[in-house]
Structure formats: C-alpha cells, structure tokens
Amino acid sequence: MLFILDPNNPEADFPPVDQAETEPDGLLAVGGDLSTPRLLKAYASGIFPWYSDEQPILWWSPNPRTVLLPGKMKISRSLRKSIRSSNFTLSIDQAFPDVVTACAAPRQKQSETWITQEMQQAYLNLFQQQHAHSIEVWDGEELVGGLYGVAIGSVFFGESMFSRRSDASKIALVFLSRQLLAWGYNLIDCQVYSEHLASLGAEEIERADFCARLLELCNKGPDSNSWSIGDKSAITAVKDL
C-alpha cells in the first residue's frame, strides 16, 4: 500500500525509500504538495515527484539510480566537433522560466507533459529562493537549448533538458559538469537510465549507495559556489569549453 502524504504538513518525513514499489519501479508515496520544504526534503532523501495532470502527485525513488560524476562526462568525437564549430553562447540562471517552459513542451510523438503548470510554479519558487538553477544555450538572442535542476550541498539534481538545435542540450550538460567540477560539486543525479545519458558517461548505482552518498553530500557545501554569477558576465562562448 502506498504511503499517503499530508498536504498540510510539508515538513513530515517520507517513508524509507526501501519501501518503494518494484512495479512500477520506485513508486513510493502519493499526495502531499510541491512546497519548497517538501521538495528539498524529497531530493535530499533520494526522492523526486513525477506525475501527469490527471494524476495526484506521485513520489519516486527508483532502484538503481542513474548518476553522473562531474569529472567523468564522456565527450564523443562528434560532440567535440560540434562544440568547436558552434557559435553558441552559454549562460547561467539568465532565463530560468523560459528553460522550464521549453522543457515542459510536449516532445515529438507526445501529446502531454509531466512538467505540469503546478510543477513549473514549484520550480520557479525554488529558483527564486536560489535552490534551483538553469543553464542556457543561445544562438544569438535565441534560446536554443538548456537544462534545469536543484542544487543541495554538493549535489545537483537534474530535472529536464531541451534542445532546439543539434547537440544544444548535450553542450549545456558539458558546461554544467565542468562548472560543477570547478565549484567542488561531487554528483549529478540523472534519476533514471537512458542510453542517451549512458553515452555521456552516466552510470547506474544501487539506491542504497545513492542515498548514503546524499546523506553526506547534501550536508556538505561545495568548495565554492558561483551560481550567483548569473549575469551578463556569465555568458561563455561554447568554444571555450
């Protein structure tokens, strides 16, 4: 039986993640709300929300978990060529609402999105409180790719990415991983496995191992945190990667 969260008590603990369902993999709890305290508690516990408009809020902690170590991202020969030939520029926290909106747009062959209006507002609230961040990829003045996620301690919890030009989202991830490595971050949470993420260096680890790492890393700030540089001086040419 699924654990039901009280929407009036955002500080309440989640059930232990080892109580999550095996089918569907990782479904742990239902209900609650998307308040900032609840979301921060969820991420630090190895849990994330994922549901569609017609569903209640569903909370997940799949096993295994897909992660990317910032220093171990794989850059293929074709991606490296794309980086060198691109005229894109990159920025940090310049257009967070636009990135979330773009990520929420239905993908090819899909008619709906899991990033509901309620979810979009929740992550905008996190951004306004400096818990969520975005990487933007620009072609001139046009936003052509990007990603967003939540930063706690020295962990970045990736949520979604989008691309309107070839390799734009991959380039955003390369930029993110290099920035996080420079700032002292230890882990990027990619949530669930995909061949696309695996080709970029992501790997699967046991949920118990993942949660043990979170227990340490979410309480350990990075050596330096430069998310606050999200102004015009943060714009970087892709060729500088």
Protein backbone atom coordinates (compact mmCIF):
# COMPACT_ATOMS: atom_id res chain seq x y z
CA MET A 1 0.00 0.00 0.00
CA LEU A 2 1.35 3.42 -0.98
CA PHE A 3 2.18 5.93 1.73
CA ILE A 4 -0.16 8.95 1.62
CA LEU A 5 1.42 12.33 2.36
CA ASP A 6 -0.43 15.00 4.30
CA PRO A 7 -0.64 18.18 2.13
CA ASN A 8 -0.85 20.28 5.30
CA ASN A 9 2.43 19.04 6.76
CA PRO A 10 5.27 19.74 4.30
CA GLU A 11 7.91 19.10 6.97
CA ALA A 12 6.79 15.49 7.50
CA ASP A 13 9.28 12.76 6.70
CA PHE A 14 8.89 10.48 3.69
CA PRO A 15 8.75 6.73 4.24
CA PRO A 16 12.05 4.84 3.88
CA VAL A 17 12.95 4.51 0.20
CA ASP A 18 13.37 0.74 0.50
CA GLN A 19 9.58 0.61 0.86
CA ALA A 20 9.16 1.79 -2.74
CA GLU A 21 7.33 -0.45 -5.18
CA THR A 22 9.29 -2.63 -7.57
CA GLU A 23 6.49 -2.38 -10.16
CA PRO A 24 6.27 0.37 -11.17
CA ASP A 25 9.88 0.73 -10.13
CA GLY A 26 10.40 3.26 -7.38
CA LEU A 27 6.86 4.47 -6.71
CA LEU A 28 6.97 5.39 -3.01
CA ALA A 29 4.22 7.80 -1.99
CA VAL A 30 1.24 9.78 -3.21
CA GLY A 31 -0.23 13.17 -2.34
CA GLY A 32 1.30 15.97 -0.32
CA ASP A 33 2.23 19.18 -2.06
CA LEU A 34 5.08 20.79 -4.02
CA SER A 35 6.12 23.33 -1.40
CA THR A 36 9.79 24.24 -1.19
CA PRO A 37 10.34 22.46 2.17
CA ARG A 38 8.75 19.26 0.85
CA LEU A 39 10.76 19.28 -2.39
CA LEU A 40 14.07 19.94 -0.65
CA LYS A 41 13.37 17.14 1.84
CA ALA A 42 12.45 14.82 -1.03
CA TYR A 43 15.59 15.45 -3.08
CA ALA A 44 17.89 15.12 -0.07
CA SER A 45 16.20 11.78 0.66
CA GLY A 46 16.65 10.43 -2.89
CA ILE A 47 13.02 11.06 -3.91
CA PHE A 48 11.51 13.14 -6.71
CA PRO A 49 7.98 13.98 -7.98
CA TRP A 50 6.80 12.71 -11.35
CA TYR A 51 3.17 12.66 -12.47
CA SER A 52 0.81 13.99 -15.13
CA ASP A 53 -2.14 16.37 -14.99
CA GLU A 54 -4.79 13.72 -14.41
CA GLN A 55 -2.88 12.11 -11.53
CA PRO A 56 -2.24 13.07 -7.90
CA ILE A 57 1.35 13.97 -7.02
CA LEU A 58 3.43 10.79 -7.21
CA TRP A 59 6.82 10.44 -5.48
CA TRP A 60 9.54 8.12 -6.78
CA SER A 61 12.84 6.58 -5.71
CA PRO A 62 13.86 4.04 -8.38
CA ASN A 63 16.47 1.34 -7.94
CA PRO A 64 19.09 1.51 -9.35
CA ARG A 65 19.70 5.25 -9.67
CA THR A 66 21.43 6.89 -12.63
CA VAL A 67 24.15 9.40 -11.75
CA LEU A 68 26.91 11.31 -13.49
CA LEU A 69 30.16 12.25 -11.80
CA PRO A 70 31.08 15.80 -12.94
CA GLY A 71 34.63 14.78 -13.85
CA LYS A 72 33.64 11.68 -15.81
CA MET A 73 31.42 13.05 -18.55
CA LYS A 74 32.22 11.49 -21.93
CA ILE A 75 32.56 13.83 -24.88
CA SER A 76 32.38 11.92 -28.14
CA ARG A 77 34.40 12.90 -31.19
CA SER A 78 31.25 14.17 -32.91
CA LEU A 79 30.20 16.23 -29.89
CA ARG A 80 33.68 17.70 -29.57
CA LYS A 81 33.50 18.65 -33.26
CA SER A 82 30.10 20.23 -32.67
CA ILE A 83 31.47 22.26 -29.76
CA ARG A 84 34.40 23.52 -31.82
CA SER A 85 32.27 24.51 -34.80
CA SER A 86 29.38 26.05 -32.88
CA ASN A 87 28.70 29.76 -32.48
CA PHE A 88 26.50 29.17 -29.44
CA THR A 89 26.97 31.01 -26.16
CA LEU A 90 26.14 29.73 -22.69
CA SER A 91 24.78 31.37 -19.57
CA ILE A 92 23.74 30.55 -16.03
CA ASP A 93 20.37 31.48 -14.50
CA GLN A 94 19.66 34.01 -17.25
CA ALA A 95 16.32 32.59 -18.39
CA PHE A 96 15.17 30.00 -15.85
CA PRO A 97 11.40 30.39 -16.52
CA ASP A 98 11.98 30.10 -20.28
CA VAL A 99 14.07 26.95 -19.84
CA VAL A 100 11.38 25.31 -17.70
CA THR A 101 8.67 26.28 -20.21
CA ALA A 102 10.71 24.84 -23.07
CA CYS A 103 11.35 21.62 -21.14
CA ALA A 104 7.62 21.36 -20.41
CA ALA A 105 6.61 21.46 -24.08
CA PRO A 106 5.41 18.03 -25.31
CA ARG A 107 8.17 16.13 -27.08
CA GLN A 108 7.92 14.57 -30.50
CA LYS A 109 5.18 11.88 -30.61
CA GLN A 110 3.89 13.03 -27.20
CA SER A 111 0.64 14.88 -26.56
CA GLU A 112 1.23 15.79 -22.91
CA THR A 113 3.99 16.67 -20.46
CA TRP A 114 4.85 15.58 -16.94
CA ILE A 115 6.05 19.12 -16.15
CA THR A 116 2.60 20.40 -15.24
CA GLN A 117 1.76 24.03 -14.51
CA GLU A 118 1.89 23.13 -10.80
CA MET A 119 5.38 21.69 -11.26
CA GLN A 120 6.56 24.72 -13.22
CA GLN A 121 5.44 27.06 -10.46
CA ALA A 122 7.07 24.89 -7.80
CA TYR A 123 10.47 25.02 -9.53
CA LEU A 124 10.13 28.74 -10.16
CA ASN A 125 9.64 29.10 -6.39
CA LEU A 126 12.80 27.06 -5.84
CA PHE A 127 14.67 29.26 -8.30
CA GLN A 128 13.51 32.44 -6.59
CA GLN A 129 14.90 31.03 -3.33
CA GLN A 130 18.20 30.11 -5.06
CA HIS A 131 17.71 26.35 -4.78
CA ALA A 132 17.06 25.70 -8.50
CA HIS A 133 19.26 26.76 -11.41
CA SER A 134 19.43 26.67 -15.17
CA ILE A 135 21.99 26.53 -17.96
CA GLU A 136 21.00 28.28 -21.19
CA VAL A 137 22.34 27.80 -24.72
CA TRP A 138 21.92 30.75 -27.07
CA ASP A 139 22.19 31.21 -30.81
CA GLY A 140 22.49 34.97 -30.89
CA GLU A 141 19.48 36.19 -28.91
CA GLU A 142 17.51 32.96 -29.40
CA LEU A 143 17.30 30.36 -26.63
CA VAL A 144 18.02 27.05 -28.37
CA GLY A 145 18.76 24.64 -25.53
CA GLY A 146 19.23 24.26 -21.83
CA LEU A 147 18.60 22.34 -18.66
CA TYR A 148 17.50 22.96 -15.09
CA GLY A 149 17.68 21.25 -11.72
CA VAL A 150 18.04 21.64 -7.97
CA ALA A 151 21.29 22.17 -6.04
CA ILE A 152 21.63 20.92 -2.46
CA GLY A 153 25.01 20.77 -0.76
CA SER A 154 27.43 19.42 -3.35
CA VAL A 155 24.79 17.55 -5.40
CA PHE A 156 22.97 18.80 -8.49
CA PHE A 157 19.67 17.04 -9.11
CA GLY A 158 19.00 17.29 -12.83
CA GLU A 159 15.34 17.63 -13.77
CA SER A 160 15.00 18.15 -17.50
CA MET A 161 16.70 19.47 -20.63
CA PHE A 162 15.63 20.56 -24.09
CA SER A 163 17.22 21.20 -27.46
CA ARG A 164 16.11 23.21 -30.49
CA ARG A 165 19.45 22.81 -32.28
CA SER A 166 21.61 19.76 -32.77
CA ASP A 167 23.64 18.94 -29.62
CA ALA A 168 22.42 22.03 -27.72
CA SER A 169 21.30 20.09 -24.63
CA LYS A 170 24.47 17.98 -24.66
CA ILE A 171 26.55 21.17 -24.75
CA ALA A 172 24.56 22.51 -21.80
CA LEU A 173 25.37 19.34 -19.85
CA VAL A 174 29.07 19.59 -20.73
CA PHE A 175 29.10 23.17 -19.47
CA LEU A 176 27.21 22.21 -16.30
CA SER A 177 29.54 19.31 -15.49
CA ARG A 178 32.64 21.48 -15.93
CA GLN A 179 31.21 24.27 -13.81
CA LEU A 180 30.17 21.87 -11.06
CA LEU A 181 33.59 20.23 -11.06
CA ALA A 182 35.26 23.63 -10.73
CA TRP A 183 32.92 24.61 -7.89
CA GLY A 184 33.50 21.42 -5.89
CA TYR A 185 30.30 19.51 -6.59
CA ASN A 186 30.53 15.72 -6.34
CA LEU A 187 27.44 14.29 -8.03
CA ILE A 188 24.80 14.91 -10.70
CA ASP A 189 21.57 12.96 -10.20
CA CYS A 190 20.11 11.87 -13.55
CA GLN A 191 17.23 9.90 -11.94
CA VAL A 192 16.53 7.12 -14.46
CA TYR A 193 18.65 5.34 -17.05
CA SER A 194 18.62 6.13 -20.75
CA GLU A 195 21.04 5.18 -23.49
CA HIS A 196 21.46 8.89 -24.22
CA LEU A 197 22.68 9.59 -20.66
CA ALA A 198 24.85 6.46 -20.63
CA SER A 199 26.58 7.63 -23.82
CA LEU A 200 27.54 10.81 -21.94
CA GLY A 201 29.09 8.92 -19.02
CA ALA A 202 26.15 8.38 -16.68
CA GLU A 203 26.17 5.15 -14.68
CA GLU A 204 23.75 3.20 -12.52
CA ILE A 205 24.34 2.68 -8.81
CA GLU A 206 22.29 0.93 -6.15
CA ARG A 207 19.67 3.10 -4.46
CA ALA A 208 21.15 2.37 -1.04
CA ASP A 209 24.55 3.61 -2.24
CA PHE A 210 22.96 6.70 -3.77
CA CYS A 211 21.10 7.60 -0.57
CA ALA A 212 24.22 7.03 1.51
CA ARG A 213 26.08 9.49 -0.71
CA LEU A 214 23.26 12.01 -0.37
CA LEU A 215 23.40 11.76 3.41
CA GLU A 216 26.98 13.01 3.25
CA LEU A 217 26.98 15.27 0.21
CA CYS A 218 23.71 17.16 0.78
CA ASN A 219 25.15 18.38 4.06
CA LYS A 220 28.49 19.32 2.53
CA GLY A 221 28.64 22.54 0.60
CA PRO A 222 30.91 22.84 -2.45
CA ASP A 223 34.32 24.44 -2.06
CA SER A 224 32.97 27.44 -3.93
CA ASN A 225 29.51 28.25 -5.19
CA SER A 226 29.31 30.61 -8.12
CA TRP A 227 25.65 30.25 -9.08
CA SER A 228 25.33 33.92 -8.17
CA ILE A 229 27.33 34.89 -11.27
CA GLY A 230 24.15 34.61 -13.34
CA ASP A 231 24.54 37.95 -15.07
CA LYS A 232 25.89 39.09 -18.43
CA SER A 233 29.44 38.31 -17.35
CA ALA A 234 28.41 34.65 -17.07
CA ILE A 235 27.93 34.30 -20.82
CA THR A 236 30.60 31.99 -22.21
CA ALA A 237 31.39 31.02 -25.80
CA VAL A 238 30.91 27.32 -26.46
CA LYS A 239 34.38 27.19 -27.99
CA ASP A 240 35.79 27.97 -24.54
CA LEU A 241 34.65 24.61 -23.20
